[in-house]
């Protein structure tokens, strides 16, 4: 059933794409014979056109909901397991390239199933919201969405490093097309390709470094054991010197930092959001960025624990610099999408710093925070696009005193902003509390700096967004179209999830505990050896 979970979204995208192509061809034939049709057939023709536009959407949503059902079954298996300490829920291990020891090896545990659940929820939100954007070539559009979702899901369960590299590269393909084909249209067409091209260049160069590290690690293991293997569970036990371990770790680290993204790799992230449609921004913020944080936690720390401890001060310092840098930049941002993108970078930098704390409590808080931040940023991007469509501008200075003109939206926006700060009752509060408590135990100075940086980021966002709804205006504002019930329902749905996890986080903590405990034991053992001088 794990294979179905991985490939069901991809299958749905393919089915929707083929059906859309068939309907488009049929409609074109009917259009050619339009002169021979009567008035009633014209109505049928219009209905068929509408059906072609939305068929891929409904098919995509149906397959994602089917994947959510399978994910729910796996969650029940995890909760009802005879031994809750066992992290594995289901394993798929098949020969792929036996000569090189490359296997189709997938392992699903509580942490992975939690990340898959988040991925499918955000994909469903993106599919539902995309109906208002009415993308051209809708079959190909939803194929890209579901292809990306399927690739992200596989990246969460892949154990073989060669397969992981292929999936890591595969995720970038639909992202590129989402920006290029369905992104912003400018009078200067070349502007549309800046964000996508930067992303592709950054990803390809960094992935090449990761490929070198993977092949080098496999070669070292082959020289010691005379057996080829790319399995991370095998390579984790490969004895290597501290210097080689550090160099190999850098190849993985650069690839993941590009997608988080920390300084100085953040340029593509801002431009990609500006040039993307709202659906594209939802997929980038809700899916793409999470793969990097997850991979840091899953691969870099377990494979290279000693090197991770060595580079810990540099990484924490870089994350804190990034946090303060984007917090200051947020004070001067007039573009609402740019403001949200910078805020997301700041929040990801907090998680990156906490990730190197080595605290089990902090690790579990990171998992909660990944879910919370993804949902909050998705909600803010939806709100930003509702305002952009309403007033035909992204300039925040044109959104002044809108409280009485966009009903309910001011309240929802305020909620998402306060969630970033971590108000009690939200998932962000639980995640922030656990992260900062765990990081404070590891290093009090770093913990205090992170709290100050997060407060500064929240203040900058409030200062920029508060006048949008509560500012004083010199002239009356012309009312535009009302916010639809569907859009409000999506925002309220996100709000409910944040409150549910905030009020009852134990179920998610139980799911991720075995995996987090295993990672913490690895880094804890490395810390002990470092103190003893065995490294």
Protein backbone atom coordinates (compact mmCIF):
# COMPACT_ATOMS: atom_id res chain seq x y z
CA UNK A 1 0.00 0.00 0.00
CA UNK A 2 3.01 2.30 0.43
CA UNK A 3 3.68 2.15 -3.32
CA UNK A 4 0.08 3.24 -3.94
CA UNK A 5 0.54 6.14 -1.53
CA UNK A 6 3.65 7.28 -3.40
CA UNK A 7 2.36 6.95 -6.95
CA UNK A 8 -1.38 7.62 -6.59
CA UNK A 9 -1.04 11.43 -6.94
CA UNK A 10 1.17 10.96 -10.02
CA UNK A 11 -1.39 8.56 -11.49
CA UNK A 12 -4.15 11.10 -10.83
CA UNK A 13 -2.20 13.83 -12.58
CA UNK A 14 -1.58 11.60 -15.59
CA UNK A 15 -5.25 10.56 -15.82
CA UNK A 16 -6.40 14.17 -15.59
CA UNK A 17 -3.89 15.30 -18.22
CA UNK A 18 -4.91 12.58 -20.69
CA UNK A 19 -8.62 13.22 -20.15
CA UNK A 20 -8.12 16.97 -20.62
CA UNK A 21 -6.23 16.35 -23.87
CA UNK A 22 -9.02 14.06 -25.10
CA UNK A 23 -11.75 16.56 -24.23
CA UNK A 24 -9.80 19.39 -25.81
CA UNK A 25 -9.47 17.44 -29.02
CA UNK A 26 -13.16 16.52 -29.01
CA UNK A 27 -14.15 20.12 -28.39
CA UNK A 28 -11.94 21.30 -31.23
CA UNK A 29 -13.67 18.89 -33.61
CA UNK A 30 -17.11 20.08 -32.49
CA UNK A 31 -16.01 23.69 -32.92
CA UNK A 32 -14.99 23.00 -36.50
CA UNK A 33 -18.47 21.64 -37.23
CA UNK A 34 -20.20 24.46 -35.37
CA UNK A 35 -21.94 25.74 -38.47
CA UNK A 36 -23.82 22.47 -38.74
CA UNK A 37 -25.04 22.55 -35.15
CA UNK A 38 -28.29 24.00 -33.89
CA UNK A 39 -28.70 26.35 -30.92
CA UNK A 40 -29.18 23.53 -28.40
CA UNK A 41 -25.87 22.02 -29.50
CA UNK A 42 -24.18 25.35 -28.83
CA UNK A 43 -25.23 25.06 -25.21
CA UNK A 44 -23.87 21.52 -25.08
CA UNK A 45 -20.63 22.82 -26.57
CA UNK A 46 -20.27 25.44 -23.83
CA UNK A 47 -20.99 22.89 -21.12
CA UNK A 48 -18.41 20.54 -22.57
CA UNK A 49 -15.87 23.38 -22.56
CA UNK A 50 -16.52 24.06 -18.90
CA UNK A 51 -16.31 20.36 -18.15
CA UNK A 52 -12.92 20.19 -19.89
CA UNK A 53 -11.60 23.10 -17.82
CA UNK A 54 -12.60 21.61 -14.47
CA UNK A 55 -12.38 17.85 -15.08
CA UNK A 56 -8.64 17.75 -14.36
CA UNK A 57 -9.26 19.71 -11.16
CA UNK A 58 -11.86 17.26 -9.82
CA UNK A 59 -9.78 14.25 -10.83
CA UNK A 60 -6.70 15.70 -9.12
CA UNK A 61 -8.68 16.41 -5.96
CA UNK A 62 -10.20 12.92 -5.95
CA UNK A 63 -6.80 11.23 -6.18
CA UNK A 64 -5.35 13.45 -3.46
CA UNK A 65 -8.29 12.62 -1.19
CA UNK A 66 -7.69 8.94 -1.94
CA UNK A 67 -4.07 9.38 -0.90
CA UNK A 68 -5.26 11.07 2.30
CA UNK A 69 -7.41 8.01 3.07
CA UNK A 70 -4.38 5.74 2.67
CA UNK A 71 -2.36 8.08 4.89
CA UNK A 72 -5.10 7.90 7.52
CA UNK A 73 -4.92 4.10 7.44
CA UNK A 74 -1.16 4.24 8.01
CA UNK A 75 -1.70 6.64 10.92
CA UNK A 76 -4.13 4.18 12.51
CA UNK A 77 -1.55 1.43 12.04
CA UNK A 78 1.04 3.56 13.81
CA UNK A 79 -1.27 4.31 16.74
CA UNK A 80 -2.57 0.74 17.03
CA UNK A 81 0.80 -0.97 16.60
CA UNK A 82 1.73 -3.67 19.08
CA UNK A 83 5.06 -1.99 19.81
CA UNK A 84 4.78 1.81 19.55
CA UNK A 85 8.56 2.13 19.94
CA UNK A 86 9.08 0.58 16.50
CA UNK A 87 9.35 3.42 14.05
CA UNK A 88 8.65 1.47 10.86
CA UNK A 89 5.06 1.22 9.68
CA UNK A 90 5.69 -0.31 6.25
CA UNK A 91 8.77 -1.15 4.18
CA UNK A 92 9.22 -1.69 0.44
CA UNK A 93 12.64 -3.08 -0.54
CA UNK A 94 13.15 -4.20 -4.16
CA UNK A 95 16.20 -4.75 -6.35
CA UNK A 96 16.66 -1.99 -8.92
CA UNK A 97 20.29 -1.99 -10.05
CA UNK A 98 21.85 -4.97 -8.23
CA UNK A 99 25.25 -4.50 -9.85
CA UNK A 100 25.66 -1.14 -8.09
CA UNK A 101 23.69 -2.07 -4.99
CA UNK A 102 20.95 0.44 -5.81
CA UNK A 103 17.55 -0.58 -4.46
CA UNK A 104 14.02 0.76 -4.55
CA UNK A 105 13.97 1.03 -0.77
CA UNK A 106 11.14 2.93 0.92
CA UNK A 107 10.54 3.08 4.66
CA UNK A 108 7.45 4.69 6.17
CA UNK A 109 7.57 5.71 9.83
CA UNK A 110 5.61 8.10 12.04
CA UNK A 111 7.61 11.18 11.06
CA UNK A 112 7.27 10.44 7.35
CA UNK A 113 3.53 9.77 7.56
CA UNK A 114 3.06 13.07 9.39
CA UNK A 115 4.94 14.97 6.68
CA UNK A 116 2.99 13.14 3.96
CA UNK A 117 -0.27 14.11 5.66
CA UNK A 118 0.81 17.77 5.62
CA UNK A 119 1.88 17.50 1.97
CA UNK A 120 -1.48 16.10 0.87
CA UNK A 121 -3.46 18.67 2.88
CA UNK A 122 -1.57 21.55 1.27
CA UNK A 123 -1.86 19.95 -2.17
CA UNK A 124 -5.63 19.69 -1.71
CA UNK A 125 -5.78 23.36 -0.66
CA UNK A 126 -3.76 24.33 -3.74
CA UNK A 127 -6.04 22.33 -6.04
CA UNK A 128 -9.20 23.84 -4.61
CA UNK A 129 -7.83 27.37 -4.67
CA UNK A 130 -6.52 27.03 -8.22
CA UNK A 131 -10.09 26.93 -9.57
CA UNK A 132 -10.34 30.69 -9.22
CA UNK A 133 -7.17 31.15 -11.28
CA UNK A 134 -8.55 29.05 -14.17
CA UNK A 135 -5.11 28.00 -15.52
CA UNK A 136 -4.75 27.36 -19.23
CA UNK A 137 -3.73 23.82 -20.20
CA UNK A 138 -5.38 22.70 -16.99
CA UNK A 139 -4.50 19.03 -17.53
CA UNK A 140 -0.77 19.78 -17.67
CA UNK A 141 -1.11 22.23 -14.76
CA UNK A 142 -2.61 19.65 -12.40
CA UNK A 143 -0.19 17.03 -13.64
CA UNK A 144 2.65 19.32 -12.49
CA UNK A 145 0.97 19.82 -9.10
CA UNK A 146 0.45 16.11 -8.50
CA UNK A 147 3.83 15.14 -9.94
CA UNK A 148 5.43 17.50 -7.44
CA UNK A 149 3.28 16.12 -4.61
CA UNK A 150 4.18 12.53 -5.50
CA UNK A 151 7.91 13.36 -5.72
CA UNK A 152 7.84 15.14 -2.35
CA UNK A 153 6.08 12.16 -0.76
CA UNK A 154 8.72 9.79 -2.13
CA UNK A 155 11.51 12.02 -0.81
CA UNK A 156 10.08 11.53 2.70
CA UNK A 157 10.20 7.72 2.52
CA UNK A 158 13.27 7.04 0.34
CA UNK A 159 16.19 5.37 2.09
CA UNK A 160 18.45 4.70 -0.91
CA UNK A 161 20.57 7.81 -1.51
CA UNK A 162 20.77 7.34 -5.28
CA UNK A 163 16.99 7.20 -5.50
CA UNK A 164 16.77 10.16 -3.15
CA UNK A 165 18.99 12.23 -5.47
CA UNK A 166 16.76 11.39 -8.45
CA UNK A 167 13.66 12.41 -6.52
CA UNK A 168 15.38 15.56 -5.26
CA UNK A 169 16.02 16.55 -8.87
CA UNK A 170 12.54 15.49 -9.99
CA UNK A 171 10.87 17.90 -7.53
CA UNK A 172 12.52 20.87 -9.26
CA UNK A 173 11.00 20.04 -12.67
CA UNK A 174 7.33 20.86 -11.89
CA UNK A 175 8.40 23.89 -9.84
CA UNK A 176 10.20 25.31 -12.87
CA UNK A 177 7.18 24.82 -15.13
CA UNK A 178 4.73 26.21 -12.55
CA UNK A 179 6.72 29.45 -12.54
CA UNK A 180 7.44 29.64 -16.26
CA UNK A 181 4.12 28.51 -17.76
CA UNK A 182 1.63 29.79 -15.18
CA UNK A 183 3.53 32.62 -13.53
CA UNK A 184 3.26 36.36 -13.86
CA UNK A 185 2.95 37.88 -17.31
CA UNK A 186 4.99 41.06 -17.91
CA UNK A 187 5.46 43.28 -20.91
CA UNK A 188 9.08 42.18 -20.83
CA UNK A 189 8.69 38.42 -21.21
CA UNK A 190 12.19 37.70 -19.96
CA UNK A 191 11.20 38.80 -16.46
CA UNK A 192 9.09 35.67 -16.15
CA UNK A 193 12.12 33.43 -16.26
CA UNK A 194 14.34 35.07 -13.65
CA UNK A 195 13.01 33.24 -10.60
CA UNK A 196 12.63 29.91 -12.38
CA UNK A 197 16.07 30.12 -13.98
CA UNK A 198 17.78 31.06 -10.71
CA UNK A 199 16.05 28.22 -8.93
CA UNK A 200 17.08 25.72 -11.59
CA UNK A 201 20.70 26.90 -11.64
CA UNK A 202 20.99 26.90 -7.84
CA UNK A 203 19.39 23.45 -7.63
CA UNK A 204 21.52 21.88 -10.37
CA UNK A 205 24.83 23.18 -9.00
CA UNK A 206 24.05 22.22 -5.40
CA UNK A 207 22.70 18.82 -6.46
CA UNK A 208 25.96 18.15 -8.29
CA UNK A 209 27.80 18.68 -5.00
CA UNK A 210 25.41 16.28 -3.28
CA UNK A 211 25.96 13.71 -6.05
CA UNK A 212 29.73 13.92 -5.49
CA UNK A 213 29.23 13.35 -1.76
CA UNK A 214 26.87 10.39 -2.29
CA UNK A 215 29.17 8.65 -4.78
CA UNK A 216 32.23 9.32 -2.58
CA UNK A 217 30.52 7.87 0.47
CA UNK A 218 29.44 4.79 -1.51
CA UNK A 219 33.01 4.37 -2.84
CA UNK A 220 34.48 4.53 0.66
CA UNK A 221 32.00 1.91 1.84
CA UNK A 222 32.81 -0.27 -1.21
CA UNK A 223 36.55 -0.16 -0.50
CA UNK A 224 35.93 -1.25 3.10
CA UNK A 225 33.29 -3.94 2.49
CA UNK A 226 33.82 -4.82 -1.19
CA UNK A 227 30.04 -4.36 -1.68
CA UNK A 228 28.20 -1.56 -3.43
CA UNK A 229 25.45 0.07 -1.44
CA UNK A 230 23.68 3.41 -1.51
CA UNK A 231 21.41 2.56 1.40
CA UNK A 232 21.60 5.25 4.09
CA UNK A 233 21.09 2.64 6.84
CA UNK A 234 24.25 0.90 5.63
CA UNK A 235 26.31 3.99 4.87
CA UNK A 236 25.57 5.46 8.30
CA UNK A 237 27.95 2.88 9.79
CA UNK A 238 30.82 3.58 7.37
CA UNK A 239 33.95 4.60 9.33
CA UNK A 240 35.49 7.75 7.86
CA UNK A 241 37.91 10.37 9.12
CA UNK A 242 36.63 13.65 10.55
CA UNK A 243 38.08 15.64 7.65
CA UNK A 244 36.44 13.45 4.97
CA UNK A 245 33.18 13.41 6.91
CA UNK A 246 33.16 17.21 6.99
CA UNK A 247 33.77 17.50 3.24
CA UNK A 248 31.06 14.96 2.41
CA UNK A 249 28.63 16.70 4.74
CA UNK A 250 29.17 20.02 2.94
CA UNK A 251 27.90 18.52 -0.33
CA UNK A 252 24.57 17.61 1.29
CA UNK A 253 24.39 20.78 3.35
CA UNK A 254 24.73 23.22 0.44
CA UNK A 255 21.99 21.40 -1.51
CA UNK A 256 19.59 21.66 1.42
CA UNK A 257 20.46 25.26 2.34
CA UNK A 258 19.57 26.36 -1.18
CA UNK A 259 15.99 25.22 -0.67
CA UNK A 260 15.53 26.34 2.95
CA UNK A 261 16.80 29.04 1.93
CA UNK A 262 19.39 30.80 4.09
CA UNK A 263 21.76 33.59 3.13
CA UNK A 264 23.24 33.89 0.56
CA UNK A 265 20.97 31.46 -1.36
CA UNK A 266 17.69 33.29 -0.84
CA UNK A 267 17.56 35.33 -4.05
CA UNK A 268 15.74 32.71 -6.12
CA UNK A 269 13.11 32.24 -3.41
CA UNK A 270 11.93 35.85 -3.43
CA UNK A 271 11.78 36.13 -7.21
CA UNK A 272 10.08 32.75 -7.58
CA UNK A 273 7.23 33.87 -5.31
CA UNK A 274 6.83 37.20 -7.09
CA UNK A 275 6.66 35.51 -10.49
CA UNK A 276 4.51 32.56 -9.41
CA UNK A 277 0.76 32.33 -9.29
CA UNK A 278 -0.73 31.94 -5.83
CA UNK A 279 -1.07 28.20 -6.38
CA UNK A 280 2.62 28.05 -7.28
CA UNK A 281 3.52 29.99 -4.14
CA UNK A 282 1.44 27.57 -2.05
CA UNK A 283 3.30 24.59 -3.50
CA UNK A 284 6.74 26.20 -3.09
CA UNK A 285 6.14 27.28 0.52
CA UNK A 286 4.09 24.30 1.62
CA UNK A 287 5.98 21.47 -0.08
CA UNK A 288 9.34 22.40 -1.60
CA UNK A 289 10.89 24.11 1.43
CA UNK A 290 9.86 21.32 3.80
CA UNK A 291 11.90 18.74 1.88
CA UNK A 292 15.10 20.60 2.79
CA UNK A 293 14.39 20.86 6.53
CA UNK A 294 13.27 17.24 6.64
CA UNK A 295 16.39 16.07 4.78
CA UNK A 296 18.69 18.00 7.11
CA UNK A 297 17.08 16.22 10.01
CA UNK A 298 16.91 12.81 8.34
CA UNK A 299 20.18 12.61 6.40
CA UNK A 300 22.80 15.19 7.35
CA UNK A 301 22.71 14.73 11.13
CA UNK A 302 22.50 10.89 11.18
CA UNK A 303 25.05 10.39 8.38
CA UNK A 304 27.52 13.03 9.58
CA UNK A 305 26.95 13.59 13.32
CA UNK A 306 30.54 14.61 14.13
CA UNK A 307 30.74 17.05 11.21
CA UNK A 308 27.33 18.45 12.19
CA UNK A 309 28.64 19.21 15.67
CA UNK A 310 31.75 20.83 14.16
CA UNK A 311 29.76 23.14 11.90
CA UNK A 312 27.05 23.81 14.48
CA UNK A 313 28.31 27.28 15.58
CA UNK A 314 28.61 28.41 11.95
CA UNK A 315 25.14 27.15 11.03
CA UNK A 316 23.49 28.68 14.08
CA UNK A 317 25.28 31.96 13.45
CA UNK A 318 24.26 31.97 9.78
CA UNK A 319 20.64 31.24 10.73
CA UNK A 320 20.56 34.04 13.30
CA UNK A 321 22.11 36.50 10.83
CA UNK A 322 19.50 35.49 8.25
CA UNK A 323 16.71 35.96 10.80
CA UNK A 324 17.78 39.49 11.77
CA UNK A 325 18.54 40.39 8.15
CA UNK A 326 15.08 39.48 6.83
CA UNK A 327 13.39 40.99 9.91
CA UNK A 328 15.01 44.35 9.13
CA UNK A 329 14.19 44.04 5.43
CA UNK A 330 10.53 43.41 6.26
CA UNK A 331 10.24 46.92 7.72
CA UNK A 332 10.78 48.43 4.25
CA UNK A 333 8.81 46.03 2.06
CA UNK A 334 5.94 47.44 0.00
CA UNK A 335 5.25 44.30 -2.05
CA UNK A 336 2.94 42.03 -0.05
CA UNK A 337 4.20 38.79 -1.65
CA UNK A 338 7.81 39.82 -1.09
CA UNK A 339 6.98 40.57 2.55
CA UNK A 340 5.48 37.11 3.09
CA UNK A 341 8.41 35.42 1.33
CA UNK A 342 10.92 37.22 3.56
CA UNK A 343 8.88 36.30 6.64
CA UNK A 344 8.98 32.66 5.57
CA UNK A 345 12.78 32.77 5.22
CA UNK A 346 13.03 34.19 8.74
CA UNK A 347 10.85 31.44 10.18
CA UNK A 348 12.84 28.74 8.37
CA UNK A 349 16.09 30.20 9.72
CA UNK A 350 14.75 29.79 13.26
CA UNK A 351 14.09 26.10 12.64
CA UNK A 352 17.52 25.62 11.06
CA UNK A 353 19.25 27.08 14.11
CA UNK A 354 17.20 24.95 16.51
CA UNK A 355 17.88 21.85 14.41
CA UNK A 356 21.53 21.93 15.51
CA UNK A 357 20.67 22.09 19.22
CA UNK A 358 20.73 18.29 19.63
CA UNK A 359 17.70 18.37 21.92
CA UNK A 360 14.92 15.79 21.57
CA UNK A 361 12.39 18.33 22.79
CA UNK A 362 13.57 20.83 20.17
CA UNK A 363 13.42 18.19 17.43
CA UNK A 364 9.80 17.40 18.21
CA UNK A 365 9.06 21.12 18.30
CA UNK A 366 10.58 21.46 14.82
CA UNK A 367 8.12 18.90 13.46
CA UNK A 368 5.17 20.83 14.93
CA UNK A 369 6.62 24.09 13.65
CA UNK A 370 7.06 22.73 10.11
CA UNK A 371 3.33 21.98 10.01
CA UNK A 372 2.36 25.28 11.60
CA UNK A 373 4.60 27.52 9.47
CA UNK A 374 3.57 25.81 6.24
CA UNK A 375 -0.13 26.35 6.98
CA UNK A 376 0.34 29.96 8.16
CA UNK A 377 2.35 30.97 5.09
CA UNK A 378 -0.15 29.26 2.79
CA UNK A 379 -2.95 31.20 4.48
CA UNK A 380 -1.09 34.50 4.11
CA UNK A 381 -0.43 33.88 0.42
CA UNK A 382 -4.13 33.17 -0.14
CA UNK A 383 -5.05 36.41 1.64
CA UNK A 384 -2.46 38.36 -0.35
CA UNK A 385 -3.87 37.15 -3.65
CA UNK A 386 -7.43 37.97 -2.59
CA UNK A 387 -6.29 41.55 -2.01
CA UNK A 388 -4.25 41.66 -5.22
CA UNK A 389 -7.21 40.48 -7.29
CA UNK A 390 -9.49 42.93 -5.54
CA UNK A 391 -7.33 46.06 -5.94
CA UNK A 392 -5.05 45.02 -8.86
CA UNK A 393 -1.81 45.82 -7.05
CA UNK A 394 0.72 44.18 -4.74
CA UNK A 395 1.72 47.50 -3.16
CA UNK A 396 0.87 47.49 0.54
CA UNK A 397 0.56 51.28 0.56
CA UNK A 398 -2.59 50.95 -1.56
CA UNK A 399 -4.24 48.68 1.01
CA UNK A 400 -5.23 51.20 3.68
CA UNK A 401 -8.19 50.96 6.04
CA UNK A 402 -9.78 47.89 4.48
CA UNK A 403 -11.39 46.48 7.63
CA UNK A 404 -14.93 47.47 6.69
CA UNK A 405 -14.46 46.65 3.00
CA UNK A 406 -13.17 43.08 3.18
CA UNK A 407 -15.29 41.40 5.82
CA UNK A 408 -13.66 38.71 7.99
CA UNK A 409 -10.35 39.04 6.13
CA UNK A 410 -8.86 41.47 8.66
CA UNK A 411 -9.59 39.07 11.51
CA UNK A 412 -8.11 36.11 9.67
CA UNK A 413 -5.02 38.10 8.68
CA UNK A 414 -4.47 39.21 12.27
CA UNK A 415 -4.78 35.61 13.40
CA UNK A 416 -2.11 34.38 10.99
CA UNK A 417 0.24 37.21 11.97
CA UNK A 418 -0.19 36.46 15.67
CA UNK A 419 0.31 32.76 14.93
CA UNK A 420 3.78 33.60 13.59
CA UNK A 421 4.60 35.10 16.99
CA UNK A 422 3.11 31.99 18.63
CA UNK A 423 -0.03 32.98 20.51
CA UNK A 424 -1.32 30.28 22.92
CA UNK A 425 -3.80 27.87 21.42
CA UNK A 426 -2.11 27.63 18.02
CA UNK A 427 0.28 24.99 16.74
CA UNK A 428 2.93 27.70 16.41
CA UNK A 429 2.84 28.24 20.18
CA UNK A 430 3.52 24.56 20.85
CA UNK A 431 6.29 24.42 18.26
CA UNK A 432 7.96 27.64 19.42
CA UNK A 433 7.74 26.67 23.09
CA UNK A 434 9.33 23.27 22.52
CA UNK A 435 11.99 24.60 20.14
CA UNK A 436 13.08 27.49 22.33
CA UNK A 437 13.01 25.43 25.52
CA UNK A 438 15.13 22.72 23.89
CA UNK A 439 17.56 25.20 22.32
CA UNK A 440 17.81 27.18 25.58
CA UNK A 441 18.95 24.03 27.36
CA UNK A 442 21.63 23.55 24.69
CA UNK A 443 22.78 27.18 24.50
CA UNK A 444 21.08 29.97 26.43
CA UNK A 445 22.66 32.73 24.35
CA UNK A 446 21.49 31.28 21.05
CA UNK A 447 18.02 30.69 22.49
CA UNK A 448 17.69 34.31 23.61
CA UNK A 449 18.91 35.63 20.24
CA UNK A 450 16.38 33.46 18.40
CA UNK A 451 13.53 34.74 20.59
CA UNK A 452 14.60 38.35 20.03
CA UNK A 453 14.88 37.77 16.29
CA UNK A 454 11.43 36.16 16.09
CA UNK A 455 9.90 39.04 18.04
CA UNK A 456 11.59 41.54 15.71
CA UNK A 457 10.26 39.66 12.68
CA UNK A 458 6.73 39.62 14.08
CA UNK A 459 6.88 43.35 14.90
CA UNK A 460 8.04 44.19 11.38
CA UNK A 461 5.17 42.19 9.84
CA UNK A 462 2.59 43.79 12.15
CA UNK A 463 3.89 47.30 11.38
CA UNK A 464 3.63 46.66 7.64
CA UNK A 465 0.26 44.89 7.61
CA UNK A 466 -1.65 46.67 10.40
CA UNK A 467 -2.34 49.84 8.30
CA UNK A 468 -3.77 47.65 5.55
CA UNK A 469 -6.89 47.06 7.59
CA UNK A 470 -6.87 49.61 10.40
CA UNK A 471 -5.11 52.61 8.84
CA UNK A 472 -6.78 56.01 8.37
CA UNK A 473 -7.69 56.99 4.80
CA UNK A 474 -8.03 60.46 3.27
CA UNK A 475 -10.55 59.46 0.61
CA UNK A 476 -13.28 56.81 0.54
CA UNK A 477 -12.33 53.37 -0.75
CA UNK A 478 -14.22 51.97 -3.70
CA UNK A 479 -15.71 48.60 -2.81
CA UNK A 480 -14.79 45.72 -5.07
CA UNK A 481 -16.21 42.21 -5.34
CA UNK A 482 -16.93 40.27 -2.16
CA UNK A 483 -14.67 37.52 -0.84
CA UNK A 484 -16.23 34.20 -1.80
CA UNK A 485 -17.45 31.63 0.68
CA UNK A 486 -15.02 29.07 -0.78
CA UNK A 487 -12.00 31.29 -0.09
CA UNK A 488 -13.16 32.02 3.44
CA UNK A 489 -13.77 28.31 4.00
CA UNK A 490 -10.20 27.47 2.98
CA UNK A 491 -8.80 30.04 5.40
CA UNK A 492 -11.07 28.85 8.20
CA UNK A 493 -10.04 25.25 7.47
CA UNK A 494 -6.38 26.20 7.91
CA UNK A 495 -7.28 28.04 11.11
CA UNK A 496 -9.07 24.96 12.49
CA UNK A 497 -6.05 22.72 11.82
CA UNK A 498 -3.74 25.19 13.60
CA UNK A 499 -6.05 25.31 16.60
CA UNK A 500 -6.53 21.53 16.66
CA UNK A 501 -2.80 20.84 16.72
CA UNK A 502 -2.25 23.69 19.18
CA UNK A 503 -4.85 22.36 21.61
CA UNK A 504 -4.04 18.67 21.14
CA UNK A 505 -0.47 18.20 19.83
CA UNK A 506 0.11 14.85 21.51
CA UNK A 507 -0.96 12.73 18.54
CA UNK A 508 1.66 14.31 16.28
CA UNK A 509 4.31 14.13 19.00
CA UNK A 510 3.59 10.41 19.47
CA UNK A 511 3.92 9.82 15.73
CA UNK A 512 7.30 11.49 15.37
CA UNK A 513 8.83 10.46 18.73
CA UNK A 514 10.53 7.18 17.65
CA UNK A 515 12.27 8.79 14.68
CA UNK A 516 13.24 11.90 16.65
CA UNK A 517 14.53 9.81 19.54
CA UNK A 518 16.72 7.79 17.18
CA UNK A 519 18.21 10.93 15.62
CA UNK A 520 18.83 12.47 19.04
CA UNK A 521 20.62 9.33 20.22
CA UNK A 522 22.96 9.53 17.22
CA UNK A 523 23.84 13.18 17.83
CA UNK A 524 24.02 12.55 21.59
CA UNK A 525 26.52 9.72 21.08
CA UNK A 526 28.60 12.00 18.85
CA UNK A 527 28.57 14.69 21.56
CA UNK A 528 29.77 12.16 24.12
CA UNK A 529 32.61 11.00 21.87
CA UNK A 530 33.58 14.61 21.20
CA UNK A 531 33.82 15.30 24.94
CA UNK A 532 35.91 12.16 25.46
CA UNK A 533 38.18 13.13 22.58
CA UNK A 534 37.42 9.99 20.55
CA UNK A 535 36.66 12.00 17.38
